[in-house]
Amino acid sequence: MIFVKAFVVGGLICVVGQLLMDLTPLTPAHVLTILVISGGILSGIGLYGPLVEWAGAGAKAPITSFGH
């Protein structure tokens, strides 16, 4: 079951990044910055740690884990 959680969470994070690039004039560098800052904010308010515990590698592997 952990593989399914990791796949879904990691996939959703990647979908958000791809949608930002496809539907807005943002460059990959902008999206990278947004994801890193989002990871830092979520870590700061205590939401990213529980997500990592629940989803495992699905939340650790994408770029947002640099904020964790």
PDB file of N, CA and C in Angstrom:
ATOM      1  N   MET A   1       0.810  -1.195   0.000  1.00  0.00           N
ATOM      2  CA  MET A   1       0.000   0.000   0.000  1.00  0.00           C
ATOM      3  C   MET A   1       0.860   1.267   0.000  1.00  0.00           C
ATOM      4  N   ILE A   2       2.039   1.187   0.607  1.00  0.00           N
ATOM      5  CA  ILE A   2       2.914   2.363   0.648  1.00  0.00           C
ATOM      6  C   ILE A   2       3.337   2.793  -0.751  1.00  0.00           C
ATOM      7  N   PHE A   3       3.442   1.819  -1.675  1.00  0.00           N
ATOM      8  CA  PHE A   3       3.821   2.170  -3.042  1.00  0.00           C
ATOM      9  C   PHE A   3       2.733   2.995  -3.721  1.00  0.00           C
ATOM     10  N   VAL A   4       1.499   2.662  -3.445  1.00  0.00           N
ATOM     11  CA  VAL A   4       0.378   3.408  -4.024  1.00  0.00           C
ATOM     12  C   VAL A   4       0.361   4.827  -3.465  1.00  0.00           C
ATOM     13  N   LYS A   5       0.536   4.964  -2.151  1.00  0.00           N
ATOM     14  CA  LYS A   5       0.566   6.297  -1.539  1.00  0.00           C
ATOM     15  C   LYS A   5       1.700   7.136  -2.115  1.00  0.00           C
ATOM     16  N   ALA A   6       2.882   6.527  -2.239  1.00  0.00           N
ATOM     17  CA  ALA A   6       4.037   7.250  -2.773  1.00  0.00           C
ATOM     18  C   ALA A   6       3.788   7.675  -4.217  1.00  0.00           C
ATOM     19  N   PHE A   7       3.214   6.787  -5.000  1.00  0.00           N
ATOM     20  CA  PHE A   7       2.937   7.091  -6.409  1.00  0.00           C
ATOM     21  C   PHE A   7       1.926   8.234  -6.536  1.00  0.00           C
ATOM     22  N   VAL A   8       0.866   8.170  -5.752  1.00  0.00           N
ATOM     23  CA  VAL A   8      -0.186   9.183  -5.840  1.00  0.00           C
ATOM     24  C   VAL A   8       0.323  10.548  -5.376  1.00  0.00           C
ATOM     25  N   VAL A   9       0.981  10.592  -4.238  1.00  0.00           N
ATOM     26  CA  VAL A   9       1.461  11.877  -3.711  1.00  0.00           C
ATOM     27  C   VAL A   9       2.546  12.469  -4.610  1.00  0.00           C
ATOM     28  N   GLY A  10       3.519  11.655  -4.995  1.00  0.00           N
ATOM     29  CA  GLY A  10       4.568  12.147  -5.893  1.00  0.00           C
ATOM     30  C   GLY A  10       4.001  12.590  -7.228  1.00  0.00           C
ATOM     31  N   GLY A  11       3.037  11.828  -7.726  1.00  0.00           N
ATOM     32  CA  GLY A  11       2.397  12.194  -8.988  1.00  0.00           C
ATOM     33  C   GLY A  11       1.637  13.494  -8.893  1.00  0.00           C
ATOM     34  N   LEU A  12       0.934  13.696  -7.792  1.00  0.00           N
ATOM     35  CA  LEU A  12       0.189  14.946  -7.624  1.00  0.00           C
ATOM     36  C   LEU A  12       1.116  16.157  -7.536  1.00  0.00           C
ATOM     37  N   ILE A  13       2.225  15.998  -6.853  1.00  0.00           N
ATOM     38  CA  ILE A  13       3.191  17.103  -6.774  1.00  0.00           C
ATOM     39  C   ILE A  13       3.724  17.428  -8.166  1.00  0.00           C
ATOM     40  N   CYS A  14       4.021  16.393  -8.937  1.00  0.00           N
ATOM     41  CA  CYS A  14       4.526  16.608 -10.301  1.00  0.00           C
ATOM     42  C   CYS A  14       3.457  17.198 -11.214  1.00  0.00           C
ATOM     43  N   VAL A  15       2.202  16.776 -11.039  1.00  0.00           N
ATOM     44  CA  VAL A  15       1.109  17.334 -11.839  1.00  0.00           C
ATOM     45  C   VAL A  15       0.960  18.824 -11.565  1.00  0.00           C
ATOM     46  N   VAL A  16       1.056  19.213 -10.313  1.00  0.00           N
ATOM     47  CA  VAL A  16       0.960  20.643  -9.971  1.00  0.00           C
ATOM     48  C   VAL A  16       2.063  21.419 -10.685  1.00  0.00           C
ATOM     49  N   GLY A  17       3.285  20.910 -10.630  1.00  0.00           N
ATOM     50  CA  GLY A  17       4.389  21.581 -11.311  1.00  0.00           C
ATOM     51  C   GLY A  17       4.185  21.660 -12.815  1.00  0.00           C
ATOM     52  N   GLN A  18       3.714  20.566 -13.411  1.00  0.00           N
ATOM     53  CA  GLN A  18       3.493  20.560 -14.858  1.00  0.00           C
ATOM     54  C   GLN A  18       2.371  21.513 -15.253  1.00  0.00           C
ATOM     55  N   LEU A  19       1.303  21.545 -14.476  1.00  0.00           N
ATOM     56  CA  LEU A  19       0.214  22.472 -14.772  1.00  0.00           C
ATOM     57  C   LEU A  19       0.664  23.923 -14.663  1.00  0.00           C
ATOM     58  N   LEU A  20       1.493  24.205 -13.678  1.00  0.00           N
ATOM     59  CA  LEU A  20       2.023  25.568 -13.564  1.00  0.00           C
ATOM     60  C   LEU A  20       2.819  25.958 -14.804  1.00  0.00           C
ATOM     61  N   MET A  21       3.576  25.014 -15.351  1.00  0.00           N
ATOM     62  CA  MET A  21       4.367  25.327 -16.544  1.00  0.00           C
ATOM     63  C   MET A  21       3.502  25.412 -17.797  1.00  0.00           C
ATOM     64  N   ASP A  22       2.470  24.570 -17.877  1.00  0.00           N
ATOM     65  CA  ASP A  22       1.646  24.536 -19.084  1.00  0.00           C
ATOM     66  C   ASP A  22       0.610  25.655 -19.144  1.00  0.00           C
ATOM     67  N   LEU A  23       0.058  26.038 -18.015  1.00  0.00           N
ATOM     68  CA  LEU A  23      -1.065  26.966 -18.012  1.00  0.00           C
ATOM     69  C   LEU A  23      -0.694  28.397 -17.644  1.00  0.00           C
ATOM     70  N   THR A  24       0.545  28.618 -17.277  1.00  0.00           N
ATOM     71  CA  THR A  24       0.986  29.965 -16.914  1.00  0.00           C
ATOM     72  C   THR A  24       2.261  30.282 -17.700  1.00  0.00           C
ATOM     73  N   PRO A  25       2.653  31.533 -17.723  1.00  0.00           N
ATOM     74  CA  PRO A  25       3.902  31.881 -18.421  1.00  0.00           C
ATOM     75  C   PRO A  25       5.155  31.625 -17.577  1.00  0.00           C
ATOM     76  N   LEU A  26       5.023  30.859 -16.506  1.00  0.00           N
ATOM     77  CA  LEU A  26       6.163  30.596 -15.627  1.00  0.00           C
ATOM     78  C   LEU A  26       7.165  29.667 -16.314  1.00  0.00           C
ATOM     79  N   THR A  27       8.426  29.913 -16.064  1.00  0.00           N
ATOM     80  CA  THR A  27       9.486  29.052 -16.587  1.00  0.00           C
ATOM     81  C   THR A  27       9.739  27.914 -15.587  1.00  0.00           C
ATOM     82  N   PRO A  28      10.453  26.866 -16.018  1.00  0.00           N
ATOM     83  CA  PRO A  28      10.790  25.804 -15.068  1.00  0.00           C
ATOM     84  C   PRO A  28      11.524  26.319 -13.828  1.00  0.00           C
ATOM     85  N   ALA A  29      12.339  27.342 -13.978  1.00  0.00           N
ATOM     86  CA  ALA A  29      13.045  27.910 -12.822  1.00  0.00           C
ATOM     87  C   ALA A  29      12.065  28.531 -11.833  1.00  0.00           C
ATOM     88  N   HIS A  30      11.040  29.196 -12.348  1.00  0.00           N
ATOM     89  CA  HIS A  30      10.018  29.772 -11.469  1.00  0.00           C
ATOM     90  C   HIS A  30       9.274  28.666 -10.723  1.00  0.00           C
ATOM     91  N   VAL A  31       8.901  27.613 -11.444  1.00  0.00           N
ATOM     92  CA  VAL A  31       8.161  26.516 -10.824  1.00  0.00           C
ATOM     93  C   VAL A  31       9.023  25.829  -9.771  1.00  0.00           C
ATOM     94  N   LEU A  32      10.299  25.636 -10.070  1.00  0.00           N
ATOM     95  CA  LEU A  32      11.217  25.044  -9.104  1.00  0.00           C
ATOM     96  C   LEU A  32      11.262  25.881  -7.829  1.00  0.00           C
ATOM     97  N   THR A  33      11.359  27.184  -7.992  1.00  0.00           N
ATOM     98  CA  THR A  33      11.399  28.082  -6.846  1.00  0.00           C
ATOM     99  C   THR A  33      10.105  28.012  -6.045  1.00  0.00           C
ATOM    100  N   ILE A  34       8.975  27.986  -6.735  1.00  0.00           N
ATOM    101  CA  ILE A  34       7.679  27.889  -6.060  1.00  0.00           C
ATOM    102  C   ILE A  34       7.584  26.599  -5.262  1.00  0.00           C
ATOM    103  N   LEU A  35       8.016  25.488  -5.843  1.00  0.00           N
ATOM    104  CA  LEU A  35       7.934  24.207  -5.146  1.00  0.00           C
ATOM    105  C   LEU A  35       8.865  24.157  -3.934  1.00  0.00           C
ATOM    106  N   VAL A  36      10.058  24.691  -4.069  1.00  0.00           N
ATOM    107  CA  VAL A  36      10.992  24.699  -2.936  1.00  0.00           C
ATOM    108  C   VAL A  36      10.459  25.573  -1.803  1.00  0.00           C
ATOM    109  N   ILE A  37       9.963  26.752  -2.147  1.00  0.00           N
ATOM    110  CA  ILE A  37       9.419  27.641  -1.126  1.00  0.00           C
ATOM    111  C   ILE A  37       8.180  27.025  -0.479  1.00  0.00           C
ATOM    112  N   SER A  38       7.336  26.388  -1.286  1.00  0.00           N
ATOM    113  CA  SER A  38       6.145  25.719  -0.743  1.00  0.00           C
ATOM    114  C   SER A  38       6.538  24.622   0.237  1.00  0.00           C
ATOM    115  N   GLY A  39       7.563  23.851  -0.113  1.00  0.00           N
ATOM    116  CA  GLY A  39       8.040  22.814   0.792  1.00  0.00           C
ATOM    117  C   GLY A  39       8.565  23.395   2.091  1.00  0.00           C
ATOM    118  N   GLY A  40       9.258  24.508   1.994  1.00  0.00           N
ATOM    119  CA  GLY A  40       9.766  25.172   3.202  1.00  0.00           C
ATOM    120  C   GLY A  40       8.653  25.705   4.081  1.00  0.00           C
ATOM    121  N   ILE A  41       7.656  26.298   3.465  1.00  0.00           N
ATOM    122  CA  ILE A  41       6.525  26.828   4.235  1.00  0.00           C
ATOM    123  C   ILE A  41       5.748  25.693   4.897  1.00  0.00           C
ATOM    124  N   LEU A  42       5.468  24.633   4.128  1.00  0.00           N
ATOM    125  CA  LEU A  42       4.744  23.493   4.697  1.00  0.00           C
ATOM    126  C   LEU A  42       5.530  22.850   5.838  1.00  0.00           C
ATOM    127  N   SER A  43       6.849  22.805   5.706  1.00  0.00           N
ATOM    128  CA  SER A  43       7.680  22.284   6.803  1.00  0.00           C
ATOM    129  C   SER A  43       7.610  23.197   8.013  1.00  0.00           C
ATOM    130  N   GLY A  44       7.662  24.490   7.765  1.00  0.00           N
ATOM    131  CA  GLY A  44       7.648  25.458   8.851  1.00  0.00           C
ATOM    132  C   GLY A  44       6.374  25.437   9.668  1.00  0.00           C
ATOM    133  N   ILE A  45       5.255  25.147   9.020  1.00  0.00           N
ATOM    134  CA  ILE A  45       3.988  25.117   9.759  1.00  0.00           C
ATOM    135  C   ILE A  45       3.621  23.698  10.197  1.00  0.00           C
ATOM    136  N   GLY A  46       4.547  22.760   9.966  1.00  0.00           N
ATOM    137  CA  GLY A  46       4.375  21.417  10.491  1.00  0.00           C
ATOM    138  C   GLY A  46       3.500  20.483   9.686  1.00  0.00           C
ATOM    139  N   LEU A  47       3.277  20.779   8.408  1.00  0.00           N
ATOM    140  CA  LEU A  47       2.438  19.921   7.582  1.00  0.00           C
ATOM    141  C   LEU A  47       3.220  18.949   6.699  1.00  0.00           C
ATOM    142  N   TYR A  48       4.440  19.296   6.356  1.00  0.00           N
ATOM    143  CA  TYR A  48       5.192  18.458   5.423  1.00  0.00           C
ATOM    144  C   TYR A  48       5.722  17.188   6.089  1.00  0.00           C
ATOM    145  N   GLY A  49       6.105  17.268   7.351  1.00  0.00           N
ATOM    146  CA  GLY A  49       6.596  16.088   8.071  1.00  0.00           C
ATOM    147  C   GLY A  49       5.579  14.959   8.111  1.00  0.00           C
ATOM    148  N   PRO A  50       4.326  15.244   8.526  1.00  0.00           N
ATOM    149  CA  PRO A  50       3.322  14.183   8.503  1.00  0.00           C
ATOM    150  C   PRO A  50       3.043  13.641   7.104  1.00  0.00           C
ATOM    151  N   LEU A  51       3.117  14.504   6.089  1.00  0.00           N
ATOM    152  CA  LEU A  51       2.926  14.043   4.709  1.00  0.00           C
ATOM    153  C   LEU A  51       4.029  13.070   4.313  1.00  0.00           C
ATOM    154  N   VAL A  52       5.268  13.380   4.692  1.00  0.00           N
ATOM    155  CA  VAL A  52       6.399  12.489   4.398  1.00  0.00           C
ATOM    156  C   VAL A  52       6.226  11.165   5.134  1.00  0.00           C
ATOM    157  N   GLU A  53       5.784  11.215   6.382  1.00  0.00           N
ATOM    158  CA  GLU A  53       5.569   9.970   7.128  1.00  0.00           C
ATOM    159  C   GLU A  53       4.476   9.125   6.498  1.00  0.00           C
ATOM    160  N   TRP A  54       3.432   9.762   5.973  1.00  0.00           N
ATOM    161  CA  TRP A  54       2.313   9.031   5.390  1.00  0.00           C
ATOM    162  C   TRP A  54       2.650   8.516   3.995  1.00  0.00           C
ATOM    163  N   ALA A  55       3.261   9.352   3.160  1.00  0.00           N
ATOM    164  CA  ALA A  55       3.484   8.995   1.757  1.00  0.00           C
ATOM    165  C   ALA A  55       4.874   8.434   1.486  1.00  0.00           C
ATOM    166  N   GLY A  56       5.790   8.566   2.405  1.00  0.00           N
ATOM    167  CA  GLY A  56       7.137   8.034   2.197  1.00  0.00           C
ATOM    168  C   GLY A  56       7.867   8.736   1.070  1.00  0.00           C
ATOM    169  N   ALA A  57       8.455   7.941   0.168  1.00  0.00           N
ATOM    170  CA  ALA A  57       9.281   8.481  -0.908  1.00  0.00           C
ATOM    171  C   ALA A  57       8.497   9.357  -1.872  1.00  0.00           C
ATOM    172  N   GLY A  58       7.191   9.195  -1.928  1.00  0.00           N
ATOM    173  CA  GLY A  58       6.389  10.031  -2.812  1.00  0.00           C
ATOM    174  C   GLY A  58       6.474  11.496  -2.455  1.00  0.00           C
ATOM    175  N   ALA A  59       6.683  11.788  -1.196  1.00  0.00           N
ATOM    176  CA  ALA A  59       6.819  13.179  -0.761  1.00  0.00           C
ATOM    177  C   ALA A  59       8.279  13.572  -0.584  1.00  0.00           C
ATOM    178  N   LYS A  60       9.185  12.607  -0.499  1.00  0.00           N
ATOM    179  CA  LYS A  60      10.598  12.924  -0.325  1.00  0.00           C
ATOM    180  C   LYS A  60      11.307  13.157  -1.659  1.00  0.00           C
ATOM    181  N   ALA A  61      10.901  12.444  -2.680  1.00  0.00           N
ATOM    182  CA  ALA A  61      11.621  12.483  -3.948  1.00  0.00           C
ATOM    183  C   ALA A  61      11.441  13.774  -4.732  1.00  0.00           C
ATOM    184  N   PRO A  62      10.220  14.342  -4.842  1.00  0.00           N
ATOM    185  CA  PRO A  62      10.087  15.582  -5.621  1.00  0.00           C
ATOM    186  C   PRO A  62      10.884  16.721  -4.985  1.00  0.00           C
ATOM    187  N   ILE A  63      11.042  17.758  -5.730  1.00  0.00           N
ATOM    188  CA  ILE A  63      11.891  18.875  -5.350  1.00  0.00           C
ATOM    189  C   ILE A  63      11.427  19.555  -4.072  1.00  0.00           C
ATOM    190  N   THR A  64      10.153  19.401  -3.708  1.00  0.00           N
ATOM    191  CA  THR A  64       9.660  20.073  -2.496  1.00  0.00           C
ATOM    192  C   THR A  64      10.352  19.557  -1.245  1.00  0.00           C
ATOM    193  N   SER A  65      10.964  18.391  -1.310  1.00  0.00           N
ATOM    194  CA  SER A  65      11.632  17.872  -0.126  1.00  0.00           C
ATOM    195  C   SER A  65      12.878  18.680   0.247  1.00  0.00           C
ATOM    196  N   PHE A  66      13.348  19.555  -0.651  1.00  0.00           N
ATOM    197  CA  PHE A  66      14.491  20.388  -0.301  1.00  0.00           C
ATOM    198  C   PHE A  66      14.119  21.360   0.809  1.00  0.00           C
ATOM    199  N   GLY A  67      12.837  21.641   0.985  1.00  0.00           N
ATOM    200  CA  GLY A  67      12.413  22.523   2.068  1.00  0.00           C
ATOM    201  C   GLY A  67      12.212  21.772   3.371  1.00  0.00           C
ATOM    202  N   HIS A  68      12.296  20.462   3.325  1.00  0.00           N
ATOM    203  CA  HIS A  68      12.013  19.649   4.513  1.00  0.00           C
ATOM    204  C   HIS A  68      13.264  19.419   5.331  1.00  0.00           C
TER     205      HIS A  68
END
